[in-house]
Amino acid sequence: MEAKLKQSYIEEIKFQTKMLNNLKRWLKVSIILSSLSFAFVLFGPSLDFVCQIIGIIGMILSTIACVLILLGYKNGRNNVNKIIDSLNK
């Protein structure tokens, strides 16, 4: 394989790995938001009915965000593995 092409693949792997780490951080944030929303759902009725509604909406949105971020992470990880496999051939 040409050295310049191989170097560009290596740079792409580094960049995508950095972006995958960013997705991991966003996944953690989304899980934390989901947990906080769950607390609003549990303790919302004792505070105010609006808090419970906000908790339910927040939990639904953060759960959807978790699923989408996880899907992006898995697809990105598969992409990096494909690039690594093409480098090894």
PDB file of N, CA and C in Angstrom:
ATOM      1  N   MET A   1       0.846  -1.175   0.000  1.00  0.00           N
ATOM      2  CA  MET A   1       0.000   0.000   0.000  1.00  0.00           C
ATOM      3  C   MET A   1       0.894   1.241   0.000  1.00  0.00           C
ATOM      4  N   GLU A   2       0.477   2.220  -0.719  1.00  0.00           N
ATOM      5  CA  GLU A   2       1.232   3.455  -0.825  1.00  0.00           C
ATOM      6  C   GLU A   2       1.329   4.129   0.545  1.00  0.00           C
ATOM      7  N   ALA A   3       2.513   4.674   0.833  1.00  0.00           N
ATOM      8  CA  ALA A   3       2.771   5.242   2.158  1.00  0.00           C
ATOM      9  C   ALA A   3       1.857   6.434   2.462  1.00  0.00           C
ATOM     10  N   LYS A   4       1.607   7.267   1.449  1.00  0.00           N
ATOM     11  CA  LYS A   4       0.761   8.440   1.667  1.00  0.00           C
ATOM     12  C   LYS A   4      -0.680   8.030   1.981  1.00  0.00           C
ATOM     13  N   LEU A   5      -1.170   7.024   1.275  1.00  0.00           N
ATOM     14  CA  LEU A   5      -2.522   6.524   1.512  1.00  0.00           C
ATOM     15  C   LEU A   5      -2.624   5.883   2.896  1.00  0.00           C
ATOM     16  N   LYS A   6      -1.592   5.137   3.255  1.00  0.00           N
ATOM     17  CA  LYS A   6      -1.574   4.490   4.565  1.00  0.00           C
ATOM     18  C   LYS A   6      -1.570   5.538   5.683  1.00  0.00           C
ATOM     19  N   GLN A   7      -0.805   6.602   5.487  1.00  0.00           N
ATOM     20  CA  GLN A   7      -0.752   7.671   6.485  1.00  0.00           C
ATOM     21  C   GLN A   7      -2.111   8.371   6.622  1.00  0.00           C
ATOM     22  N   SER A   8      -2.800   8.549   5.498  1.00  0.00           N
ATOM     23  CA  SER A   8      -4.124   9.183   5.571  1.00  0.00           C
ATOM     24  C   SER A   8      -5.129   8.274   6.283  1.00  0.00           C
ATOM     25  N   TYR A   9      -5.009   6.959   6.092  1.00  0.00           N
ATOM     26  CA  TYR A   9      -5.864   6.024   6.827  1.00  0.00           C
ATOM     27  C   TYR A   9      -5.600   6.115   8.326  1.00  0.00           C
ATOM     28  N   ILE A  10      -4.342   6.209   8.690  1.00  0.00           N
ATOM     29  CA  ILE A  10      -3.979   6.300  10.110  1.00  0.00           C
ATOM     30  C   ILE A  10      -4.540   7.581  10.722  1.00  0.00           C
ATOM     31  N   GLU A  11      -4.448   8.688   9.980  1.00  0.00           N
ATOM     32  CA  GLU A  11      -5.012   9.948  10.464  1.00  0.00           C
ATOM     33  C   GLU A  11      -6.532   9.848  10.622  1.00  0.00           C
ATOM     34  N   GLU A  12      -7.170   9.170   9.681  1.00  0.00           N
ATOM     35  CA  GLU A  12      -8.627   8.990   9.756  1.00  0.00           C
ATOM     36  C   GLU A  12      -9.009   8.141  10.967  1.00  0.00           C
ATOM     37  N   ILE A  13      -8.227   7.116  11.253  1.00  0.00           N
ATOM     38  CA  ILE A  13      -8.479   6.274  12.431  1.00  0.00           C
ATOM     39  C   ILE A  13      -8.354   7.101  13.706  1.00  0.00           C
ATOM     40  N   LYS A  14      -7.317   7.946  13.779  1.00  0.00           N
ATOM     41  CA  LYS A  14      -7.134   8.791  14.960  1.00  0.00           C
ATOM     42  C   LYS A  14      -8.308   9.750  15.134  1.00  0.00           C
ATOM     43  N   PHE A  15      -8.734  10.360  14.032  1.00  0.00           N
ATOM     44  CA  PHE A  15      -9.836  11.317  14.100  1.00  0.00           C
ATOM     45  C   PHE A  15     -11.131  10.637  14.523  1.00  0.00           C
ATOM     46  N   GLN A  16     -11.430   9.502  13.914  1.00  0.00           N
ATOM     47  CA  GLN A  16     -12.675   8.814  14.250  1.00  0.00           C
ATOM     48  C   GLN A  16     -12.651   8.271  15.675  1.00  0.00           C
ATOM     49  N   THR A  17     -11.486   7.855  16.155  1.00  0.00           N
ATOM     50  CA  THR A  17     -11.373   7.402  17.539  1.00  0.00           C
ATOM     51  C   THR A  17     -11.645   8.560  18.501  1.00  0.00           C
ATOM     52  N   LYS A  18     -11.141   9.742  18.148  1.00  0.00           N
ATOM     53  CA  LYS A  18     -11.409  10.929  18.969  1.00  0.00           C
ATOM     54  C   LYS A  18     -12.909  11.227  18.998  1.00  0.00           C
ATOM     55  N   MET A  19     -13.555  11.124  17.850  1.00  0.00           N
ATOM     56  CA  MET A  19     -14.994  11.376  17.788  1.00  0.00           C
ATOM     57  C   MET A  19     -15.790  10.303  18.543  1.00  0.00           C
ATOM     58  N   LEU A  20     -15.304   9.061  18.520  1.00  0.00           N
ATOM     59  CA  LEU A  20     -15.962   7.998  19.285  1.00  0.00           C
ATOM     60  C   LEU A  20     -15.870   8.275  20.783  1.00  0.00           C
ATOM     61  N   ASN A  21     -14.738   8.819  21.220  1.00  0.00           N
ATOM     62  CA  ASN A  21     -14.610   9.186  22.633  1.00  0.00           C
ATOM     63  C   ASN A  21     -15.582  10.305  22.994  1.00  0.00           C
ATOM     64  N   ASN A  22     -15.791  11.241  22.055  1.00  0.00           N
ATOM     65  CA  ASN A  22     -16.793  12.291  22.292  1.00  0.00           C
ATOM     66  C   ASN A  22     -18.190  11.688  22.419  1.00  0.00           C
ATOM     67  N   LEU A  23     -18.494  10.709  21.576  1.00  0.00           N
ATOM     68  CA  LEU A  23     -19.800  10.051  21.660  1.00  0.00           C
ATOM     69  C   LEU A  23     -19.972   9.332  22.995  1.00  0.00           C
ATOM     70  N   LYS A  24     -18.889   8.750  23.507  1.00  0.00           N
ATOM     71  CA  LYS A  24     -18.962   8.099  24.823  1.00  0.00           C
ATOM     72  C   LYS A  24     -19.334   9.111  25.901  1.00  0.00           C
ATOM     73  N   ARG A  25     -18.704  10.299  25.822  1.00  0.00           N
ATOM     74  CA  ARG A  25     -19.013  11.332  26.811  1.00  0.00           C
ATOM     75  C   ARG A  25     -20.472  11.770  26.713  1.00  0.00           C
ATOM     76  N   TRP A  26     -20.955  11.947  25.493  1.00  0.00           N
ATOM     77  CA  TRP A  26     -22.348  12.348  25.319  1.00  0.00           C
ATOM     78  C   TRP A  26     -23.298  11.256  25.795  1.00  0.00           C
ATOM     79  N   LEU A  27     -22.914  10.008  25.621  1.00  0.00           N
ATOM     80  CA  LEU A  27     -23.742   8.908  26.111  1.00  0.00           C
ATOM     81  C   LEU A  27     -23.832   8.944  27.633  1.00  0.00           C
ATOM     82  N   LYS A  28     -22.707   9.210  28.288  1.00  0.00           N
ATOM     83  CA  LYS A  28     -22.719   9.315  29.751  1.00  0.00           C
ATOM     84  C   LYS A  28     -23.612  10.462  30.213  1.00  0.00           C
ATOM     85  N   VAL A  29     -23.518  11.601  29.529  1.00  0.00           N
ATOM     86  CA  VAL A  29     -24.351  12.753  29.879  1.00  0.00           C
ATOM     87  C   VAL A  29     -25.826  12.417  29.689  1.00  0.00           C
ATOM     88  N   SER A  30     -26.134  11.734  28.612  1.00  0.00           N
ATOM     89  CA  SER A  30     -27.521  11.370  28.338  1.00  0.00           C
ATOM     90  C   SER A  30     -28.058  10.391  29.381  1.00  0.00           C
ATOM     91  N   ILE A  31     -27.228   9.464  29.815  1.00  0.00           N
ATOM     92  CA  ILE A  31     -27.645   8.523  30.861  1.00  0.00           C
ATOM     93  C   ILE A  31     -27.882   9.260  32.181  1.00  0.00           C
ATOM     94  N   ILE A  32     -27.018  10.220  32.489  1.00  0.00           N
ATOM     95  CA  ILE A  32     -27.197  11.010  33.711  1.00  0.00           C
ATOM     96  C   ILE A  32     -28.496  11.810  33.645  1.00  0.00           C
ATOM     97  N   LEU A  33     -28.768  12.416  32.490  1.00  0.00           N
ATOM     98  CA  LEU A  33     -30.018  13.169  32.335  1.00  0.00           C
ATOM     99  C   LEU A  33     -31.237  12.261  32.461  1.00  0.00           C
ATOM    100  N   SER A  34     -31.116  11.057  31.944  1.00  0.00           N
ATOM    101  CA  SER A  34     -32.212  10.101  32.068  1.00  0.00           C
ATOM    102  C   SER A  34     -32.443   9.740  33.534  1.00  0.00           C
ATOM    103  N   SER A  35     -31.366   9.566  34.274  1.00  0.00           N
ATOM    104  CA  SER A  35     -31.488   9.247  35.698  1.00  0.00           C
ATOM    105  C   SER A  35     -32.108  10.405  36.477  1.00  0.00           C
ATOM    106  N   LEU A  36     -31.683  11.623  36.162  1.00  0.00           N
ATOM    107  CA  LEU A  36     -32.272  12.785  36.834  1.00  0.00           C
ATOM    108  C   LEU A  36     -33.755  12.928  36.494  1.00  0.00           C
ATOM    109  N   SER A  37     -34.086  12.656  35.256  1.00  0.00           N
ATOM    110  CA  SER A  37     -35.494  12.714  34.850  1.00  0.00           C
ATOM    111  C   SER A  37     -36.308  11.657  35.582  1.00  0.00           C
ATOM    112  N   PHE A  38     -35.709  10.490  35.782  1.00  0.00           N
ATOM    113  CA  PHE A  38     -36.389   9.430  36.529  1.00  0.00           C
ATOM    114  C   PHE A  38     -36.650   9.871  37.968  1.00  0.00           C
ATOM    115  N   ALA A  39     -35.684  10.592  38.546  1.00  0.00           N
ATOM    116  CA  ALA A  39     -35.887  11.118  39.897  1.00  0.00           C
ATOM    117  C   ALA A  39     -37.044  12.114  39.919  1.00  0.00           C
ATOM    118  N   PHE A  40     -37.159  12.926  38.870  1.00  0.00           N
ATOM    119  CA  PHE A  40     -38.295  13.849  38.784  1.00  0.00           C
ATOM    120  C   PHE A  40     -39.611  13.089  38.687  1.00  0.00           C
ATOM    121  N   VAL A  41     -39.595  11.977  37.963  1.00  0.00           N
ATOM    122  CA  VAL A  41     -40.817  11.179  37.839  1.00  0.00           C
ATOM    123  C   VAL A  41     -41.197  10.589  39.195  1.00  0.00           C
ATOM    124  N   LEU A  42     -40.203  10.085  39.922  1.00  0.00           N
ATOM    125  CA  LEU A  42     -40.489   9.465  41.215  1.00  0.00           C
ATOM    126  C   LEU A  42     -40.931  10.476  42.269  1.00  0.00           C
ATOM    127  N   PHE A  43     -40.188  11.588  42.357  1.00  0.00           N
ATOM    128  CA  PHE A  43     -40.450  12.548  43.425  1.00  0.00           C
ATOM    129  C   PHE A  43     -41.252  13.751  42.957  1.00  0.00           C
ATOM    130  N   GLY A  44     -41.657  13.759  41.707  1.00  0.00           N
ATOM    131  CA  GLY A  44     -42.421  14.872  41.158  1.00  0.00           C
ATOM    132  C   GLY A  44     -43.762  15.103  41.814  1.00  0.00           C
ATOM    133  N   PRO A  45     -44.536  14.043  42.081  1.00  0.00           N
ATOM    134  CA  PRO A  45     -45.860  14.273  42.686  1.00  0.00           C
ATOM    135  C   PRO A  45     -45.794  14.963  44.051  1.00  0.00           C
ATOM    136  N   SER A  46     -44.729  14.712  44.806  1.00  0.00           N
ATOM    137  CA  SER A  46     -44.628  15.371  46.111  1.00  0.00           C
ATOM    138  C   SER A  46     -44.231  16.841  45.960  1.00  0.00           C
ATOM    139  N   LEU A  47     -43.567  17.178  44.860  1.00  0.00           N
ATOM    140  CA  LEU A  47     -43.179  18.574  44.633  1.00  0.00           C
ATOM    141  C   LEU A  47     -44.271  19.333  43.881  1.00  0.00           C
ATOM    142  N   ASP A  48     -44.543  18.886  42.689  1.00  0.00           N
ATOM    143  CA  ASP A  48     -45.542  19.541  41.847  1.00  0.00           C
ATOM    144  C   ASP A  48     -45.834  18.616  40.676  1.00  0.00           C
ATOM    145  N   PHE A  49     -47.042  18.689  40.171  1.00  0.00           N
ATOM    146  CA  PHE A  49     -47.420  17.836  39.042  1.00  0.00           C
ATOM    147  C   PHE A  49     -46.612  18.179  37.793  1.00  0.00           C
ATOM    148  N   VAL A  50     -46.262  19.446  37.648  1.00  0.00           N
ATOM    149  CA  VAL A  50     -45.476  19.888  36.487  1.00  0.00           C
ATOM    150  C   VAL A  50     -44.095  19.229  36.496  1.00  0.00           C
ATOM    151  N   CYS A  51     -43.515  19.046  37.691  1.00  0.00           N
ATOM    152  CA  CYS A  51     -42.204  18.381  37.788  1.00  0.00           C
ATOM    153  C   CYS A  51     -42.285  16.952  37.277  1.00  0.00           C
ATOM    154  N   GLN A  52     -43.371  16.282  37.554  1.00  0.00           N
ATOM    155  CA  GLN A  52     -43.530  14.911  37.081  1.00  0.00           C
ATOM    156  C   GLN A  52     -43.655  14.887  35.557  1.00  0.00           C
ATOM    157  N   ILE A  53     -44.394  15.805  34.989  1.00  0.00           N
ATOM    158  CA  ILE A  53     -44.537  15.877  33.531  1.00  0.00           C
ATOM    159  C   ILE A  53     -43.190  16.188  32.884  1.00  0.00           C
ATOM    160  N   ILE A  54     -42.453  17.136  33.458  1.00  0.00           N
ATOM    161  CA  ILE A  54     -41.119  17.467  32.939  1.00  0.00           C
ATOM    162  C   ILE A  54     -40.212  16.246  33.023  1.00  0.00           C
ATOM    163  N   GLY A  55     -40.306  15.508  34.113  1.00  0.00           N
ATOM    164  CA  GLY A  55     -39.503  14.298  34.270  1.00  0.00           C
ATOM    165  C   GLY A  55     -39.827  13.248  33.228  1.00  0.00           C
ATOM    166  N   ILE A  56     -41.098  13.051  32.954  1.00  0.00           N
ATOM    167  CA  ILE A  56     -41.505  12.051  31.955  1.00  0.00           C
ATOM    168  C   ILE A  56     -41.003  12.447  30.572  1.00  0.00           C
ATOM    169  N   ILE A  57     -41.197  13.712  30.215  1.00  0.00           N
ATOM    170  CA  ILE A  57     -40.734  14.177  28.903  1.00  0.00           C
ATOM    171  C   ILE A  57     -39.213  14.089  28.806  1.00  0.00           C
ATOM    172  N   GLY A  58     -38.524  14.510  29.864  1.00  0.00           N
ATOM    173  CA  GLY A  58     -37.060  14.442  29.868  1.00  0.00           C
ATOM    174  C   GLY A  58     -36.547  13.019  29.777  1.00  0.00           C
ATOM    175  N   MET A  59     -37.221  12.114  30.456  1.00  0.00           N
ATOM    176  CA  MET A  59     -36.800  10.717  30.423  1.00  0.00           C
ATOM    177  C   MET A  59     -36.985  10.119  29.036  1.00  0.00           C
ATOM    178  N   ILE A  60     -38.096  10.422  28.394  1.00  0.00           N
ATOM    179  CA  ILE A  60     -38.337   9.909  27.043  1.00  0.00           C
ATOM    180  C   ILE A  60     -37.294  10.458  26.073  1.00  0.00           C
ATOM    181  N   LEU A  61     -37.055  11.770  26.138  1.00  0.00           N
ATOM    182  CA  LEU A  61     -36.092  12.383  25.217  1.00  0.00           C
ATOM    183  C   LEU A  61     -34.663  11.885  25.454  1.00  0.00           C
ATOM    184  N   SER A  62     -34.274  11.768  26.715  1.00  0.00           N
ATOM    185  CA  SER A  62     -32.909  11.325  26.993  1.00  0.00           C
ATOM    186  C   SER A  62     -32.726   9.847  26.666  1.00  0.00           C
ATOM    187  N   THR A  63     -33.770   9.045  26.798  1.00  0.00           N
ATOM    188  CA  THR A  63     -33.677   7.635  26.410  1.00  0.00           C
ATOM    189  C   THR A  63     -33.536   7.507  24.898  1.00  0.00           C
ATOM    190  N   ILE A  64     -34.295   8.305  24.157  1.00  0.00           N
ATOM    191  CA  ILE A  64     -34.150   8.307  22.696  1.00  0.00           C
ATOM    192  C   ILE A  64     -32.748   8.759  22.309  1.00  0.00           C
ATOM    193  N   ALA A  65     -32.235   9.785  23.002  1.00  0.00           N
ATOM    194  CA  ALA A  65     -30.879  10.262  22.728  1.00  0.00           C
ATOM    195  C   ALA A  65     -29.853   9.170  23.011  1.00  0.00           C
ATOM    196  N   CYS A  66     -30.036   8.422  24.101  1.00  0.00           N
ATOM    197  CA  CYS A  66     -29.119   7.318  24.423  1.00  0.00           C
ATOM    198  C   CYS A  66     -29.084   6.290  23.299  1.00  0.00           C
ATOM    199  N   VAL A  67     -30.252   5.936  22.805  1.00  0.00           N
ATOM    200  CA  VAL A  67     -30.330   4.930  21.743  1.00  0.00           C
ATOM    201  C   VAL A  67     -29.636   5.435  20.479  1.00  0.00           C
ATOM    202  N   LEU A  68     -29.889   6.685  20.110  1.00  0.00           N
ATOM    203  CA  LEU A  68     -29.279   7.235  18.898  1.00  0.00           C
ATOM    204  C   LEU A  68     -27.764   7.378  19.031  1.00  0.00           C
ATOM    205  N   ILE A  69     -27.301   7.823  20.190  1.00  0.00           N
ATOM    206  CA  ILE A  69     -25.862   7.963  20.406  1.00  0.00           C
ATOM    207  C   ILE A  69     -25.195   6.596  20.392  1.00  0.00           C
ATOM    208  N   LEU A  70     -25.822   5.612  21.019  1.00  0.00           N
ATOM    209  CA  LEU A  70     -25.261   4.264  21.022  1.00  0.00           C
ATOM    210  C   LEU A  70     -25.207   3.684  19.615  1.00  0.00           C
ATOM    211  N   LEU A  71     -26.227   3.943  18.821  1.00  0.00           N
ATOM    212  CA  LEU A  71     -26.236   3.490  17.433  1.00  0.00           C
ATOM    213  C   LEU A  71     -25.102   4.141  16.646  1.00  0.00           C
ATOM    214  N   GLY A  72     -24.906   5.439  16.834  1.00  0.00           N
ATOM    215  CA  GLY A  72     -23.799   6.131  16.176  1.00  0.00           C
ATOM    216  C   GLY A  72     -22.452   5.604  16.626  1.00  0.00           C
ATOM    217  N   TYR A  73     -22.328   5.297  17.916  1.00  0.00           N
ATOM    218  CA  TYR A  73     -21.070   4.758  18.429  1.00  0.00           C
ATOM    219  C   TYR A  73     -20.769   3.394  17.814  1.00  0.00           C
ATOM    220  N   LYS A  74     -21.777   2.533  17.761  1.00  0.00           N
ATOM    221  CA  LYS A  74     -21.562   1.197  17.190  1.00  0.00           C
ATOM    222  C   LYS A  74     -21.188   1.282  15.716  1.00  0.00           C
ATOM    223  N   ASN A  75     -21.884   2.131  14.959  1.00  0.00           N
ATOM    224  CA  ASN A  75     -21.566   2.285  13.542  1.00  0.00           C
ATOM    225  C   ASN A  75     -20.168   2.869  13.347  1.00  0.00           C
ATOM    226  N   GLY A  76     -19.795   3.831  14.176  1.00  0.00           N
ATOM    227  CA  GLY A  76     -18.458   4.413  14.098  1.00  0.00           C
ATOM    228  C   GLY A  76     -17.380   3.405  14.443  1.00  0.00           C
ATOM    229  N   ARG A  77     -17.632   2.599  15.450  1.00  0.00           N
ATOM    230  CA  ARG A  77     -16.661   1.570  15.846  1.00  0.00           C
ATOM    231  C   ARG A  77     -16.485   0.548  14.721  1.00  0.00           C
ATOM    232  N   ASN A  78     -17.601   0.161  14.089  1.00  0.00           N
ATOM    233  CA  ASN A  78     -17.514  -0.765  12.955  1.00  0.00           C
ATOM    234  C   ASN A  78     -16.731  -0.144  11.805  1.00  0.00           C
ATOM    235  N   ASN A  79     -16.918   1.147  11.576  1.00  0.00           N
ATOM    236  CA  ASN A  79     -16.200   1.839  10.516  1.00  0.00           C
ATOM    237  C   ASN A  79     -14.694   1.849  10.786  1.00  0.00           C
ATOM    238  N   VAL A  80     -14.307   2.125  12.025  1.00  0.00           N
ATOM    239  CA  VAL A  80     -12.885   2.118  12.380  1.00  0.00           C
ATOM    240  C   VAL A  80     -12.308   0.717  12.199  1.00  0.00           C
ATOM    241  N   ASN A  81     -13.059  -0.301  12.599  1.00  0.00           N
ATOM    242  CA  ASN A  81     -12.580  -1.676  12.429  1.00  0.00           C
ATOM    243  C   ASN A  81     -12.405  -2.027  10.957  1.00  0.00           C
ATOM    244  N   LYS A  82     -13.296  -1.537  10.090  1.00  0.00           N
ATOM    245  CA  LYS A  82     -13.161  -1.791   8.656  1.00  0.00           C
ATOM    246  C   LYS A  82     -11.917  -1.112   8.092  1.00  0.00           C
ATOM    247  N   ILE A  83     -11.638   0.101   8.555  1.00  0.00           N
ATOM    248  CA  ILE A  83     -10.436   0.800   8.094  1.00  0.00           C
ATOM    249  C   ILE A  83      -9.188   0.057   8.550  1.00  0.00           C
ATOM    250  N   ILE A  84      -9.196  -0.414   9.785  1.00  0.00           N
ATOM    251  CA  ILE A  84      -8.043  -1.163  10.306  1.00  0.00           C
ATOM    252  C   ILE A  84      -7.858  -2.457   9.519  1.00  0.00           C
ATOM    253  N   ASP A  85      -8.958  -3.144   9.211  1.00  0.00           N
ATOM    254  CA  ASP A  85      -8.870  -4.374   8.421  1.00  0.00           C
ATOM    255  C   ASP A  85      -8.318  -4.104   7.030  1.00  0.00           C
ATOM    256  N   SER A  86      -8.712  -2.981   6.422  1.00  0.00           N
ATOM    257  CA  SER A  86      -8.198  -2.673   5.085  1.00  0.00           C
ATOM    258  C   SER A  86      -6.720  -2.308   5.139  1.00  0.00           C
ATOM    259  N   LEU A  87      -6.266  -1.762   6.259  1.00  0.00           N
ATOM    260  CA  LEU A  87      -4.835  -1.468   6.409  1.00  0.00           C
ATOM    261  C   LEU A  87      -4.021  -2.748   6.548  1.00  0.00           C
ATOM    262  N   ASN A  88      -4.579  -3.736   7.219  1.00  0.00           N
ATOM    263  CA  ASN A  88      -3.853  -4.983   7.460  1.00  0.00           C
ATOM    264  C   ASN A  88      -3.760  -5.862   6.224  1.00  0.00           C
ATOM    265  N   LYS A  89      -4.599  -5.617   5.221  1.00  0.00           N
ATOM    266  CA  LYS A  89      -4.569  -6.451   4.016  1.00  0.00           C
ATOM    267  C   LYS A  89      -3.486  -6.039   3.069  1.00  0.00           C
TER     268      LYS A  89
END
